[in-house]
Amino acid sequence: MADIIPQDQEQQVKKLKRLLEGWRMALIPLKSVILWEQQWHPCAIIGTVSFLYLLLWLLDMSTLATFALVGLILNFVDFIVPVICNSLYGPSSWTGQKEKTFEEICKSIVVHYNKILHQINSFYSLRDTSPCMYYVISISMLCTLAWVSSSISNIFLLYILSMVMLLWPGIQHRGIFNALLALVNMAPKMVKSE
């Protein structure tokens, strides 16, 4: 990630820092877990997500009740984390190194958010530049999504999506995906040389 970011992104970072002010002490250890700084972090992510989805599956609630319960839990966590962090850690425990790490987290969130927004905008710009390609991609993706969601349990699909979303930063940080791509790209060359 470049150290120089545009002025608009700098404003977004400042806004995000103000928004996440109460969460800053919780985000620093969370960053280390998401980026797998310890060997047991992927296991902790997988275990936590699996336990939560097992509870959802065992409760067997309707979709609306599940959304309501998840919303209640998220609101409770959003309320309680800043309270706990402020009571456990005083202002003196916030160091310059932690501020730098917090700013890096906010910059990373803004950069990834802007990348996703750019990808979405470029996809929708296909509608004007190449409508045939836009509709082929849209219709094929929606048909595939409809087929997969009718064939596989929705809670299992959400479980897989959650797992991938939470493990993806660690996979990228460790370079696992790039190593797999390099292996896939080398495979045809190895077959030709034999």
Foldseek 3Di string as FASTA:
>chain_A
DDPDDDPVLVVQLVVVCVVCVLVLVVVVVVVCLLQVVDVCSLVVQLVVLVVVLVVVVVVPDDPVVVVVVVVVVVVVCVVVSSVVCCVVDPPVVCDPVSVVVSSVVSSVVSVVVVVVVVVVVVLVVCCVVPVVVSCVVVVVVVVVVVVVPVVDPPSVVVSVVSSCVSNVNNCVSVVVVVVVVVVVVCVVVVVVVD
